[in-house]
Amino acid sequence: MPFEILHFRGSDKILKEKKMTREIKLAMEYLNDCLYGTYRKGELLRQALQEMDWRQNGDLNVLDGRRYFYKGFRKRVAMDGSFSSYEYIQDALLRLQLGFDKGKIDMGIVLVTAQRSEKSKLGTTKDLVYKEIGMLYPTISLPVAIVLFDLGKPGEIYAEAEKDRDESNDNDQLSDELNKTIENKKIVFIDPKFNENFIDNNPEPEKQTGRKKRSRTKTKANVNYDQNETSPAAVNQ
């Protein structure tokens, strides 16, 4: 599964009341499509959220007068997070808690990578999220949804595109070589009715009939001889 949404403290009910359940799901699907296997995910994340109208609301400030901004804001739902490391989840929760305590937001959404070190002994990322949310209470008490993304390895999508391009070039080269071979050679159909130039090297013998053909000798009649020559009749005389 490319992403998984975990709800805490009634965040799913809040989204349902705001009629945003489907909207959030579609937004996460779009983010996954835009960010999978890419570099510079932070820049692409902001661009994708802007396309979905999550950055044009003018309420992105975490603290008034400071240049701390949420990644997105819509219908009093703030979105924050980072895909550089899982540990950013605590920073995102703190920033969202500030907005909740000041009455600016009703809930928050944290976007974070599900990938962690294979040597970790803390279990799955999902299990770790449940443990940390419990441990951070009551400091972190806002309704929040944690979205875990599996975005593959950085640059993976470019490697796949390069592989597809190489395969396409190989196919084009093979096709060109085949076309040259066909141009240099004359192809003759086996069935003579499709080819006027067909030559049968092993023709079937003609059927013999009981009647033999009589040989005819050609005679020349009315032969005019030159006056200086002697005709056969004259010789016999």
Protein backbone atom coordinates (compact mmCIF):
# COMPACT_ATOMS: atom_id res chain seq x y z
CA MET A 1 0.00 0.00 0.00
CA PRO A 2 1.55 3.38 -1.01
CA PHE A 3 0.25 5.22 2.07
CA GLU A 4 -1.69 4.58 5.27
CA ILE A 5 -3.80 7.04 7.29
CA LEU A 6 -3.87 6.64 11.10
CA HIS A 7 -6.46 8.65 13.05
CA PHE A 8 -6.12 9.83 16.66
CA ARG A 9 -8.50 11.60 19.03
CA GLY A 10 -11.46 11.68 16.67
CA SER A 11 -9.72 13.20 13.66
CA ASP A 12 -11.69 10.90 11.32
CA LYS A 13 -14.99 12.23 12.73
CA ILE A 14 -13.86 15.83 12.23
CA LEU A 15 -13.02 15.15 8.59
CA LYS A 16 -16.39 13.50 8.15
CA GLU A 17 -18.19 16.52 9.64
CA LYS A 18 -16.27 18.81 7.29
CA LYS A 19 -17.05 16.48 4.37
CA MET A 20 -13.34 16.13 3.68
CA THR A 21 -12.85 12.37 4.03
CA ARG A 22 -12.78 11.69 0.29
CA GLU A 23 -10.92 14.92 -0.39
CA ILE A 24 -8.08 13.93 1.94
CA LYS A 25 -7.83 10.47 0.43
CA LEU A 26 -7.63 11.83 -3.11
CA ALA A 27 -5.08 14.41 -2.01
CA MET A 28 -2.85 11.70 -0.51
CA GLU A 29 -3.13 9.64 -3.69
CA TYR A 30 -2.07 12.63 -5.74
CA LEU A 31 0.89 13.33 -3.45
CA ASN A 32 2.00 9.73 -3.75
CA ASP A 33 1.86 9.91 -7.54
CA CYS A 34 3.82 13.18 -7.59
CA LEU A 35 6.51 12.25 -5.07
CA TYR A 36 7.20 8.55 -5.58
CA GLY A 37 10.87 7.89 -6.34
CA THR A 38 11.76 11.57 -6.78
CA TYR A 39 14.38 13.95 -5.41
CA ARG A 40 13.57 17.30 -3.72
CA LYS A 41 10.29 16.08 -2.29
CA GLY A 42 9.82 19.25 -0.20
CA GLU A 43 9.64 21.46 -3.27
CA LEU A 44 7.38 19.03 -5.13
CA LEU A 45 5.15 18.71 -2.05
CA ARG A 46 4.52 22.46 -1.90
CA GLN A 47 3.83 22.58 -5.63
CA ALA A 48 1.35 19.68 -5.45
CA LEU A 49 -0.49 21.19 -2.47
CA GLN A 50 -0.71 24.50 -4.26
CA GLU A 51 -2.31 22.77 -7.25
CA MET A 52 -4.91 21.27 -4.88
CA ASP A 53 -5.68 24.67 -3.30
CA TRP A 54 -4.05 23.93 0.05
CA ARG A 55 -1.70 26.94 0.03
CA GLN A 56 -3.85 29.86 -1.17
CA ASN A 57 -5.77 30.46 2.05
CA GLY A 58 -3.46 32.96 3.74
CA ASP A 59 -3.51 31.08 7.07
CA LEU A 60 -0.27 29.12 6.75
CA ASN A 61 1.53 30.97 9.56
CA VAL A 62 2.30 28.86 12.62
CA LEU A 63 3.12 31.95 14.72
CA ASP A 64 2.06 35.45 13.84
CA GLY A 65 4.98 37.64 12.85
CA ARG A 66 7.34 34.70 12.28
CA ARG A 67 8.22 32.87 9.10
CA TYR A 68 7.02 29.47 10.25
CA PHE A 69 4.46 28.04 7.88
CA TYR A 70 2.37 24.93 7.61
CA LYS A 71 2.66 22.97 4.40
CA GLY A 72 -1.06 23.39 3.76
CA PHE A 73 -4.24 24.83 5.27
CA ARG A 74 -7.88 24.32 4.32
CA LYS A 75 -11.18 24.54 6.24
CA ARG A 76 -9.32 24.93 9.57
CA VAL A 77 -7.33 21.76 8.90
CA ALA A 78 -3.55 22.28 8.85
CA MET A 79 -1.11 19.95 7.11
CA ASP A 80 2.57 19.61 7.96
CA GLY A 81 5.33 17.06 7.67
CA SER A 82 8.52 15.99 5.93
CA PHE A 83 9.75 12.95 4.02
CA SER A 84 13.43 13.34 4.87
CA SER A 85 13.19 11.26 8.05
CA TYR A 86 10.56 9.73 10.30
CA GLU A 87 11.77 11.72 13.32
CA TYR A 88 10.28 14.91 11.88
CA ILE A 89 6.91 13.69 13.17
CA GLN A 90 7.60 15.28 16.59
CA ASP A 91 8.41 18.70 15.07
CA ALA A 92 5.24 18.57 12.96
CA LEU A 93 3.09 17.61 15.97
CA LEU A 94 4.47 20.53 17.99
CA ARG A 95 3.77 23.05 15.24
CA LEU A 96 0.23 21.73 14.81
CA GLN A 97 -0.36 21.78 18.57
CA LEU A 98 0.49 25.49 18.66
CA GLY A 99 -2.18 26.24 16.06
CA PHE A 100 -4.70 24.11 17.94
CA ASP A 101 -4.01 25.78 21.30
CA LYS A 102 -4.43 29.23 19.77
CA GLY A 103 -7.79 28.22 18.28
CA LYS A 104 -6.54 28.56 14.73
CA ILE A 105 -7.13 24.95 13.62
CA ASP A 106 -9.53 22.16 14.51
CA MET A 107 -7.15 19.31 13.69
CA GLY A 108 -3.88 18.53 11.99
CA ILE A 109 -2.50 16.13 9.39
CA VAL A 110 1.12 14.95 9.56
CA LEU A 111 2.83 13.64 6.42
CA VAL A 112 5.85 11.47 7.16
CA THR A 113 7.86 8.68 5.59
CA ALA A 114 7.25 5.11 6.71
CA GLN A 115 10.82 4.12 5.84
CA ARG A 116 13.22 3.62 8.72
CA SER A 117 16.48 1.85 9.35
CA GLU A 118 16.29 -1.92 8.94
CA LYS A 119 18.37 -2.25 12.12
CA SER A 120 15.73 -0.53 14.25
CA LYS A 121 14.42 -2.64 17.14
CA LEU A 122 11.32 -0.50 17.69
CA GLY A 123 9.03 -2.56 15.49
CA THR A 124 7.06 -1.36 12.50
CA THR A 125 6.56 2.33 11.80
CA LYS A 126 2.84 1.97 12.44
CA ASP A 127 3.46 0.47 15.89
CA LEU A 128 5.95 3.21 16.67
CA VAL A 129 3.43 5.94 15.76
CA TYR A 130 0.88 4.55 18.23
CA LYS A 131 3.50 4.39 20.99
CA GLU A 132 4.79 7.93 20.42
CA ILE A 133 1.33 9.52 20.24
CA GLY A 134 0.55 7.91 23.60
CA MET A 135 3.87 8.99 25.14
CA LEU A 136 3.50 12.64 23.98
CA TYR A 137 0.13 13.13 25.67
CA PRO A 138 -0.87 15.52 27.27
CA THR A 139 1.76 17.77 25.66
CA ILE A 140 0.39 16.80 22.25
CA SER A 141 -3.38 16.53 22.61
CA LEU A 142 -4.90 17.78 19.34
CA PRO A 143 -6.93 15.56 17.02
CA VAL A 144 -4.45 14.46 14.36
CA ALA A 145 -4.14 12.11 11.42
CA ILE A 146 -0.72 10.61 10.68
CA VAL A 147 -0.17 9.63 7.04
CA LEU A 148 2.66 7.16 6.45
CA PHE A 149 4.08 7.16 2.92
CA ASP A 150 6.26 4.60 1.20
CA LEU A 151 7.76 6.67 -1.61
CA GLY A 152 10.47 4.25 -2.70
CA LYS A 153 14.14 5.12 -3.12
CA PRO A 154 15.13 8.64 -4.20
CA GLY A 155 15.71 8.68 -7.94
CA GLU A 156 13.95 5.35 -8.51
CA ILE A 157 11.45 6.82 -10.92
CA TYR A 158 14.27 8.32 -13.02
CA ALA A 159 16.06 4.96 -13.15
CA GLU A 160 12.86 3.30 -14.36
CA ALA A 161 12.37 5.99 -17.01
CA GLU A 162 16.00 5.55 -18.16
CA LYS A 163 15.50 1.77 -18.38
CA ASP A 164 12.33 2.18 -20.43
CA ARG A 165 14.12 4.63 -22.73
CA ASP A 166 17.03 2.21 -23.24
CA GLU A 167 14.63 -0.63 -24.04
CA SER A 168 12.79 1.61 -26.49
CA ASN A 169 16.08 2.57 -28.19
CA ASP A 170 17.07 -1.10 -28.43
CA ASN A 171 13.72 -1.95 -30.03
CA ASP A 172 14.08 0.95 -32.47
CA GLN A 173 17.59 -0.18 -33.40
CA LEU A 174 16.43 -3.76 -33.92
CA SER A 175 13.55 -2.52 -36.07
CA ASP A 176 15.93 -0.41 -38.20
CA GLU A 177 18.27 -3.38 -38.73
CA LEU A 178 15.32 -5.57 -39.73
CA ASN A 179 14.07 -2.95 -42.19
CA LYS A 180 17.54 -2.68 -43.76
CA THR A 181 17.72 -6.46 -44.10
CA ILE A 182 14.35 -6.55 -45.81
CA GLU A 183 15.38 -3.75 -48.20
CA ASN A 184 18.61 -5.56 -49.18
CA LYS A 185 16.94 -8.90 -49.82
CA LYS A 186 14.22 -9.86 -52.26
CA ILE A 187 11.46 -11.75 -50.52
CA VAL A 188 9.68 -14.36 -52.68
CA PHE A 189 6.38 -15.84 -51.59
CA ILE A 190 6.19 -19.61 -51.61
CA ASP A 191 2.70 -19.68 -53.10
CA PRO A 192 3.00 -18.82 -56.83
CA LYS A 193 -0.41 -17.22 -57.00
CA PHE A 194 0.93 -14.40 -54.81
CA ASN A 195 4.11 -13.91 -56.83
CA GLU A 196 4.41 -13.66 -60.58
CA ASN A 197 8.15 -14.32 -60.43
CA PHE A 198 7.77 -17.66 -58.69
CA ILE A 199 9.92 -20.37 -60.26
CA ASP A 200 9.07 -23.98 -59.56
CA ASN A 201 12.32 -25.92 -59.40
CA ASN A 202 10.55 -29.25 -59.11
CA PRO A 203 7.68 -29.20 -61.57
CA GLU A 204 5.27 -32.11 -61.57
CA PRO A 205 5.75 -34.52 -64.53
CA GLU A 206 3.19 -34.26 -67.25
CA LYS A 207 0.63 -37.02 -67.29
CA GLN A 208 1.21 -39.61 -70.07
CA THR A 209 -1.74 -40.40 -72.31
CA GLY A 210 -2.20 -43.54 -74.42
CA ARG A 211 -1.96 -41.56 -77.57
CA LYS A 212 1.51 -40.69 -78.77
CA LYS A 213 2.18 -37.56 -80.62
CA ARG A 214 3.16 -38.10 -84.22
CA SER A 215 6.25 -36.36 -85.36
CA ARG A 216 5.72 -34.20 -88.32
CA THR A 217 8.39 -33.47 -90.90
CA LYS A 218 8.36 -30.09 -92.32
CA THR A 219 8.58 -29.93 -96.15
CA LYS A 220 9.17 -26.95 -98.19
CA ALA A 221 7.00 -26.62 -101.26
CA ASN A 222 7.26 -24.39 -104.24
CA VAL A 223 10.93 -23.84 -103.87
CA ASN A 224 12.19 -21.48 -106.53
CA TYR A 225 15.72 -22.15 -107.63
CA ASP A 226 18.09 -19.69 -109.07
CA GLN A 227 18.50 -19.90 -112.80
CA ASN A 228 22.12 -20.93 -112.41
CA GLU A 229 21.25 -23.85 -110.18
CA THR A 230 20.03 -27.23 -111.32
CA SER A 231 16.78 -28.63 -109.99
CA PRO A 232 16.62 -32.24 -108.69
CA ALA A 233 14.34 -33.24 -111.52
CA ALA A 234 16.86 -32.14 -114.08
CA VAL A 235 19.58 -34.13 -112.40
CA ASN A 236 17.52 -37.31 -112.60
CA GLN A 237 17.00 -36.77 -116.31
